[in-house]
Protein backbone atom coordinates (compact mmCIF):
# COMPACT_ATOMS: atom_id res chain seq x y z
CA PHE A 1 81.30 189.47 122.36
CA GLU A 2 84.13 187.08 123.12
CA PHE A 3 87.83 187.69 123.75
CA ASN A 4 90.48 185.01 124.22
CA HIS A 5 94.12 185.37 125.22
CA LEU A 6 96.59 182.48 124.99
CA ASP A 7 100.24 182.44 126.09
CA GLN A 8 102.53 179.57 125.08
CA SER A 9 106.10 179.08 126.25
CA GLY A 10 108.70 176.35 126.27
CA ALA A 11 110.11 174.56 123.23
CA LYS A 12 108.88 172.51 120.28
CA LEU A 13 110.97 170.10 118.22
CA GLN A 14 111.65 171.20 114.66
CA ALA A 15 113.82 169.96 111.82
CA PHE A 16 116.77 172.13 110.76
CA GLY A 17 118.81 171.84 107.58
CA SER A 18 122.30 173.19 108.11
CA TYR A 19 124.06 175.10 105.36
CA PRO A 20 127.11 173.16 104.08
CA TYR A 21 130.32 174.47 105.64
CA PRO A 22 132.84 175.02 104.35
CA SER A 23 130.84 174.76 101.12
CA THR A 24 131.02 170.99 100.77
CA VAL A 25 128.18 168.53 100.46
CA SER A 26 129.72 166.32 103.15
CA SER A 27 129.07 169.07 105.70
CA GLN A 28 125.32 168.94 105.23
CA ARG A 29 123.38 167.92 108.32
CA ILE A 30 119.72 167.50 109.17
CA SER A 31 118.95 167.83 112.86
CA ILE A 32 115.89 167.81 115.12
CA LEU A 33 116.40 170.59 117.65
CA PRO A 34 114.21 172.35 120.23
CA MET A 35 112.68 175.53 118.83
CA PRO A 36 112.24 178.12 121.62
CA THR A 37 108.57 178.98 121.97
CA ASN A 38 107.16 182.27 123.24
CA TYR A 39 103.81 182.89 121.55
CA ARG A 40 100.88 185.19 122.27
CA THR A 41 97.58 184.63 120.47
CA GLU A 42 94.51 186.82 120.89
CA THR A 43 91.17 186.26 119.18
CA VAL A 44 88.12 188.52 119.13
CA ASN A 45 84.55 187.55 118.21
CA ALA A 46 81.87 190.24 118.04
CA ALA A 47 78.40 189.71 116.58
CA VAL A 48 74.95 191.27 116.36
CA ASN A 49 71.99 188.93 115.85
CA TRP A 50 68.48 189.82 114.66
CA VAL A 51 65.42 187.60 114.46
CA GLY A 52 62.13 188.65 112.86
CA ASP A 53 58.84 186.98 112.04
CA ARG A 54 60.14 185.64 108.72
CA GLY A 55 63.86 186.25 108.73
CA HIS A 56 67.05 186.24 110.72
CA ALA A 57 70.47 187.85 110.24
CA THR A 58 73.89 187.93 111.90
CA ALA A 59 76.65 190.49 111.35
CA ALA A 60 79.97 189.50 112.89
CA TYR A 61 83.66 190.37 113.14
CA PHE A 62 86.45 187.89 113.84
CA GLY A 63 90.02 188.94 114.56
CA SER A 64 93.07 186.77 115.16
CA PHE A 65 96.39 188.26 116.32
CA PHE A 66 99.42 185.96 116.60
CA HIS A 67 102.70 187.35 117.95
CA ASP A 68 105.97 185.45 118.26
CA ASN A 69 108.27 187.20 120.73
CA TYR A 70 111.26 185.59 119.02
CA ASN A 71 112.37 186.16 115.44
CA VAL A 72 115.28 183.75 114.98
CA VAL A 73 117.11 180.96 116.77
CA GLN A 74 120.80 180.21 116.37
CA PHE A 75 122.41 176.78 116.60
CA GLN A 76 125.87 175.28 116.10
CA THR A 77 126.12 172.93 113.12
CA PHE A 78 129.79 172.30 112.41
CA ALA A 79 131.71 170.58 115.16
CA GLY A 80 135.07 172.08 115.97
CA ALA A 81 134.58 175.25 113.93
CA ASN A 82 132.13 177.07 116.22
CA VAL A 83 129.92 177.88 113.22
CA MET A 84 126.58 179.35 114.30
CA GLN A 85 123.67 179.30 111.88
CA THR A 86 120.32 181.05 111.94
CA MET A 87 116.81 179.71 111.50
CA PRO A 88 113.65 181.87 111.66
CA THR A 89 110.83 181.15 114.08
CA TYR A 90 107.13 181.31 113.17
CA PRO A 91 106.17 184.74 111.77
CA SER A 92 103.67 186.97 113.56
CA ASN A 93 100.47 187.56 111.61
CA VAL A 94 97.05 189.22 111.77
CA LEU A 95 93.64 188.23 110.41
CA HIS A 96 90.53 190.45 110.15
CA GLN A 97 87.28 188.93 108.91
CA LEU A 98 83.78 190.36 108.44
CA ASN A 99 80.81 187.98 108.13
CA LEU A 100 77.15 188.47 107.25
CA ASN A 101 74.67 185.57 107.32
CA GLY A 102 70.91 185.36 107.21
CA GLY A 103 67.78 183.77 105.92
CA TYR A 104 64.22 184.67 104.90
CA ALA A 105 61.03 182.66 104.55
CA PHE A 106 58.96 183.87 101.59
CA SER A 107 56.25 181.44 102.59
CA ALA A 108 55.83 178.32 104.65
CA ARG A 109 57.26 176.25 101.82
CA THR A 110 59.85 178.58 100.19
CA LYS A 111 62.94 179.72 102.08
CA MET A 112 66.26 181.36 101.25
CA ALA A 113 69.53 181.45 103.20
CA GLY A 114 72.94 182.88 102.42
CA GLY A 115 76.12 184.45 103.64
CA LEU A 116 78.94 186.85 102.80
CA SER A 117 82.47 186.92 104.17
CA TYR A 118 85.51 189.14 103.62
CA GLY A 119 88.89 188.51 105.23
CA TYR A 120 92.30 190.20 105.22
CA ASN A 121 95.37 188.29 106.41
CA SER A 122 98.80 189.95 106.65
CA GLN A 123 102.32 188.97 107.72
CA ASN A 124 105.38 191.22 107.63
CA THR A 125 107.95 189.68 109.96
CA MET A 126 111.60 190.33 109.19
CA TYR A 127 113.41 187.47 107.44
CA GLY A 128 115.69 185.44 109.66
CA TYR A 129 118.81 183.97 108.05
CA ASP A 130 122.59 184.33 108.18
CA SER A 131 123.38 187.77 106.81
CA GLY A 132 126.57 186.81 104.96
CA LEU A 133 126.69 185.54 101.39
CA ALA A 134 127.68 182.12 100.06
CA PRO A 135 129.84 180.15 100.01
CA LYS A 136 130.90 180.61 103.66
CA GLY A 137 128.90 183.52 105.01
CA GLY A 138 125.41 182.13 104.55
CA PRO A 139 122.99 180.52 102.13
CA MET A 140 122.21 183.62 100.07
CA VAL A 141 124.24 184.18 96.90
CA VAL A 142 122.69 187.60 96.36
CA ALA A 143 121.24 189.56 99.25
CA SER A 144 117.48 189.27 99.61
CA PRO A 145 115.64 191.94 97.58
CA THR A 146 113.36 192.64 100.55
CA ALA A 147 113.84 192.61 104.30
CA SER A 148 110.46 190.94 104.88
CA LEU A 149 107.72 189.24 102.92
CA ASN A 150 105.09 191.96 103.38
CA GLY A 151 102.53 189.31 102.60
CA SER A 152 98.79 189.87 102.38
CA VAL A 153 95.93 187.62 101.32
CA ILE A 154 92.31 188.66 100.76
CA THR A 155 89.62 186.00 100.97
CA THR A 156 86.04 186.49 99.79
CA HIS A 157 83.15 184.07 100.17
CA ALA A 158 79.49 184.17 99.17
CA ASP A 159 76.80 181.51 99.21
CA LEU A 160 73.05 181.47 98.53
CA LYS A 161 70.54 178.62 98.70
CA LEU A 162 66.84 178.56 97.82
CA THR A 163 64.62 175.66 98.90
CA ASP A 164 61.00 174.94 98.05
CA GLN A 165 58.86 172.19 99.56
CA THR A 166 56.70 172.06 96.42
CA THR A 167 54.52 169.20 97.66
CA LYS A 168 54.52 166.91 100.65
CA ASP A 169 56.78 164.48 98.80
CA LEU A 170 58.73 166.78 96.47
CA ALA A 171 61.46 169.23 97.56
CA LEU A 172 63.40 171.44 95.14
CA SER A 173 66.61 173.37 95.84
CA ALA A 174 69.07 175.66 94.07
CA GLY A 175 72.42 176.78 95.46
CA LEU A 176 75.39 178.92 94.52
CA LYS A 177 78.77 179.25 96.22
CA TYR A 178 81.74 181.48 95.41
CA ASP A 179 85.23 181.49 96.99
CA ASP A 180 88.15 183.74 96.10
CA ARG A 181 91.59 183.55 97.72
CA ASP A 182 93.61 186.45 96.31
CA ASN A 183 97.29 186.59 97.29
CA HIS A 184 98.50 190.20 96.98
CA THR A 185 102.05 189.46 98.11
CA ALA A 186 104.67 190.84 95.72
CA SER A 187 106.77 188.34 93.78
CA ASN A 188 110.55 188.69 94.11
CA MET A 189 113.54 186.71 92.88
CA TYR A 190 115.64 185.05 95.58
CA SER A 191 119.13 183.65 94.86
CA PHE A 192 120.53 181.07 97.23
CA ASN A 193 122.60 177.91 97.33
CA ALA A 194 120.70 174.66 97.67
CA ILE A 195 121.20 172.86 100.97
CA ASN A 196 123.30 170.18 99.26
CA GLY A 197 125.82 172.76 98.06
CA ALA A 198 124.63 172.68 94.47
CA ASP A 199 124.86 175.61 92.08
CA THR A 200 123.01 178.82 92.67
CA THR A 201 119.26 178.42 92.66
CA ARG A 202 117.01 181.30 91.58
CA TYR A 203 113.40 181.07 92.68
CA PRO A 204 110.61 183.64 92.81
CA ASN A 205 107.85 183.35 95.34
CA THR A 206 104.62 182.82 93.41
CA PRO A 207 101.50 184.54 94.79
CA LEU A 208 98.48 182.69 93.39
CA ARG A 209 94.85 183.67 93.10
CA VAL A 210 92.32 180.83 93.25
CA LYS A 211 88.65 181.43 92.43
CA LYS A 212 86.02 178.73 92.69
CA TRP A 213 82.36 178.69 91.67
CA GLN A 214 79.93 175.94 92.63
CA GLY A 215 76.30 175.58 91.61
CA GLU A 216 73.65 172.94 92.21
CA LEU A 217 70.08 172.28 91.10
CA ALA A 218 68.43 169.37 92.89
CA GLY A 219 65.14 167.66 93.47
CA ASP A 220 64.19 165.07 96.09
CA TYR A 221 61.09 162.93 95.77
CA ARG A 222 59.92 160.70 98.60
CA ILE A 223 58.41 157.44 97.38
CA ASP A 224 57.56 156.21 100.87
CA ALA A 225 58.91 156.45 104.40
CA LYS A 226 62.01 154.39 103.52
CA GLN A 227 62.75 155.30 99.91
CA LYS A 228 63.65 158.56 98.20
CA ILE A 229 64.84 159.54 94.72
CA ARG A 230 67.26 162.42 94.22
CA LEU A 231 68.19 164.06 90.93
CA ALA A 232 70.87 166.75 90.95
CA TYR A 233 73.00 168.78 88.56
CA ASN A 234 76.30 170.19 89.86
CA HIS A 235 78.71 172.61 88.26
CA ASP A 236 82.22 173.26 89.65
CA GLN A 237 84.69 175.71 88.14
CA THR A 238 88.12 176.63 89.49
CA ASP A 239 90.38 179.34 88.08
CA ARG A 240 94.02 179.76 89.11
CA GLU A 241 96.24 182.65 88.12
CA CYS A 242 99.40 184.39 89.24
CA ASN A 243 99.02 188.10 89.95
CA GLN A 244 102.73 188.74 89.42
CA TYR A 245 105.78 186.60 88.62
CA ALA A 246 109.26 187.98 89.13
CA VAL A 247 111.82 187.48 86.34
């Protein structure tokens, strides 16, 4: 079992794009300003290990908890007009992950190893931006459809590998790997003015799901102590899709 606690305070430089005021491109400014920092990060590792005559296994939990004590920072961007604008700080988020790994020796020459992993990552910090509407009250033309992202991502991983030392000089192997990153965040339409004061821009956030399969069949033959021949077949497949797309 392992527990870590980290506190961070001070300031970090970050780029800010100011909203044009009063709604003219000439008012646009890009600035590098100190972002106030007040972070708390806690991580937890817990695992149970087993070792037998022919096999071994590990069951584990990993948790990461990031909390930003600030939500927004305000800064003045238009000299002489006392215009204060708002920029969000880093959002708090949580990650839970379960892992299972192990291996088994069928014989002295044939062995198998693999692993499973399941993770859940979430973030639901309130949006931070000027509450008024464009052209002078803030960047949003239409109020945000949600107060926060309510984002969640599920990641799944599985791998399995079988090896066989067929002869002293010949080794065969077969492996499979699967990864799935599934973004369950809802898609919404956001209407805002571009930073250069251009016409209204409508953009939906696009939660993607990416699945990847990998497979390999391989053989290694040792000619002598310095030379070896390897023959392998690999298959990679990646699928991308959008669970939902706001219109």
